[in-house]
């Protein structure tokens, strides 16, 4: 039983890792867009990055699909 519990905990950690990666890449893209802001491309890239930051953070609070069953 403890091995099964460990597996579930590691799945949660891997999902959390993916969320942090998405959030981190969103921050990097947002900074790139911020430096390009006078142009239309800069605003688009900034919005794209901010959307990834928001989605990465929201994904951290979402329950994994296996635990919802």
C-alpha atoms as a PDB file:
ATOM      1  CA  UNK A   1       0.000   0.000   0.000  1.00  0.00           C
ATOM      2  CA  UNK A   2       2.830   2.436   0.752  1.00  0.00           C
ATOM      3  CA  UNK A   3       4.344   1.815  -2.705  1.00  0.00           C
ATOM      4  CA  UNK A   4       1.029   2.797  -4.312  1.00  0.00           C
ATOM      5  CA  UNK A   5       0.835   5.880  -2.133  1.00  0.00           C
ATOM      6  CA  UNK A   6       4.407   6.823  -3.095  1.00  0.00           C
ATOM      7  CA  UNK A   7       3.540   6.454  -6.767  1.00  0.00           C
ATOM      8  CA  UNK A   8       0.594   8.791  -6.437  1.00  0.00           C
ATOM      9  CA  UNK A   9       2.706  11.339  -4.583  1.00  0.00           C
ATOM     10  CA  UNK A  10       5.374  11.190  -7.310  1.00  0.00           C
ATOM     11  CA  UNK A  11       2.703  11.719  -9.955  1.00  0.00           C
ATOM     12  CA  UNK A  12       1.570  14.829  -8.114  1.00  0.00           C
ATOM     13  CA  UNK A  13       5.163  16.074  -7.998  1.00  0.00           C
ATOM     14  CA  UNK A  14       5.635  15.478 -11.733  1.00  0.00           C
ATOM     15  CA  UNK A  15       2.429  17.375 -12.517  1.00  0.00           C
ATOM     16  CA  UNK A  16       3.577  20.187 -10.261  1.00  0.00           C
ATOM     17  CA  UNK A  17       6.931  20.223 -12.077  1.00  0.00           C
ATOM     18  CA  UNK A  18       5.169  20.655 -15.422  1.00  0.00           C
ATOM     19  CA  UNK A  19       3.166  23.547 -13.957  1.00  0.00           C
ATOM     20  CA  UNK A  20       6.340  25.250 -12.755  1.00  0.00           C
ATOM     21  CA  UNK A  21       7.973  24.783 -16.168  1.00  0.00           C
ATOM     22  CA  UNK A  22       4.964  26.339 -17.931  1.00  0.00           C
ATOM     23  CA  UNK A  23       4.960  29.232 -15.450  1.00  0.00           C
ATOM     24  CA  UNK A  24       8.709  29.787 -15.796  1.00  0.00           C
ATOM     25  CA  UNK A  25       8.593  29.777 -19.580  1.00  0.00           C
ATOM     26  CA  UNK A  26       5.656  32.174 -19.414  1.00  0.00           C
ATOM     27  CA  UNK A  27       7.726  34.563 -17.311  1.00  0.00           C
ATOM     28  CA  UNK A  28      10.600  34.402 -19.797  1.00  0.00           C
ATOM     29  CA  UNK A  29       8.297  35.005 -22.775  1.00  0.00           C
ATOM     30  CA  UNK A  30       6.561  37.832 -20.889  1.00  0.00           C
ATOM     31  CA  UNK A  31       9.898  39.537 -20.276  1.00  0.00           C
ATOM     32  CA  UNK A  32      10.762  39.204 -23.952  1.00  0.00           C
ATOM     33  CA  UNK A  33       7.413  40.748 -24.872  1.00  0.00           C
ATOM     34  CA  UNK A  34       7.903  43.521 -22.314  1.00  0.00           C
ATOM     35  CA  UNK A  35      11.156  44.559 -23.968  1.00  0.00           C
ATOM     36  CA  UNK A  36       9.419  44.633 -27.370  1.00  0.00           C
ATOM     37  CA  UNK A  37       6.278  46.501 -26.164  1.00  0.00           C
ATOM     38  CA  UNK A  38       6.249  49.565 -28.402  1.00  0.00           C
ATOM     39  CA  UNK A  39       5.376  47.286 -31.325  1.00  0.00           C
ATOM     40  CA  UNK A  40       2.281  45.178 -31.888  1.00  0.00           C
ATOM     41  CA  UNK A  41       4.439  42.039 -31.769  1.00  0.00           C
ATOM     42  CA  UNK A  42       5.631  42.984 -28.293  1.00  0.00           C
ATOM     43  CA  UNK A  43       2.107  43.283 -26.928  1.00  0.00           C
ATOM     44  CA  UNK A  44       1.148  39.959 -28.487  1.00  0.00           C
ATOM     45  CA  UNK A  45       4.168  38.163 -27.061  1.00  0.00           C
ATOM     46  CA  UNK A  46       3.610  39.778 -23.662  1.00  0.00           C
ATOM     47  CA  UNK A  47      -0.016  38.600 -23.602  1.00  0.00           C
ATOM     48  CA  UNK A  48       0.977  35.110 -24.713  1.00  0.00           C
ATOM     49  CA  UNK A  49       3.527  34.893 -21.899  1.00  0.00           C
ATOM     50  CA  UNK A  50       1.129  36.231 -19.278  1.00  0.00           C
ATOM     51  CA  UNK A  51      -1.479  33.696 -20.378  1.00  0.00           C
ATOM     52  CA  UNK A  52       1.030  30.894 -19.798  1.00  0.00           C
ATOM     53  CA  UNK A  53       1.899  32.257 -16.369  1.00  0.00           C
ATOM     54  CA  UNK A  54      -1.794  32.305 -15.456  1.00  0.00           C
ATOM     55  CA  UNK A  55      -2.442  28.821 -16.860  1.00  0.00           C
ATOM     56  CA  UNK A  56       0.620  27.387 -15.105  1.00  0.00           C
ATOM     57  CA  UNK A  57      -0.493  28.795 -11.763  1.00  0.00           C
ATOM     58  CA  UNK A  58      -4.083  27.602 -12.240  1.00  0.00           C
ATOM     59  CA  UNK A  59      -2.785  24.141 -13.152  1.00  0.00           C
ATOM     60  CA  UNK A  60      -1.030  23.920  -9.783  1.00  0.00           C
ATOM     61  CA  UNK A  61      -4.393  24.136  -8.006  1.00  0.00           C
ATOM     62  CA  UNK A  62      -6.145  21.615 -10.266  1.00  0.00           C
ATOM     63  CA  UNK A  63      -6.640  18.110  -8.888  1.00  0.00           C
ATOM     64  CA  UNK A  64      -4.947  15.369 -10.939  1.00  0.00           C
ATOM     65  CA  UNK A  65      -7.374  13.402 -13.107  1.00  0.00           C
ATOM     66  CA  UNK A  66      -6.664  10.101 -11.306  1.00  0.00           C
ATOM     67  CA  UNK A  67      -7.610  11.520  -7.917  1.00  0.00           C
ATOM     68  CA  UNK A  68     -11.001  12.710  -9.231  1.00  0.00           C
ATOM     69  CA  UNK A  69     -12.171   9.171  -9.956  1.00  0.00           C
END
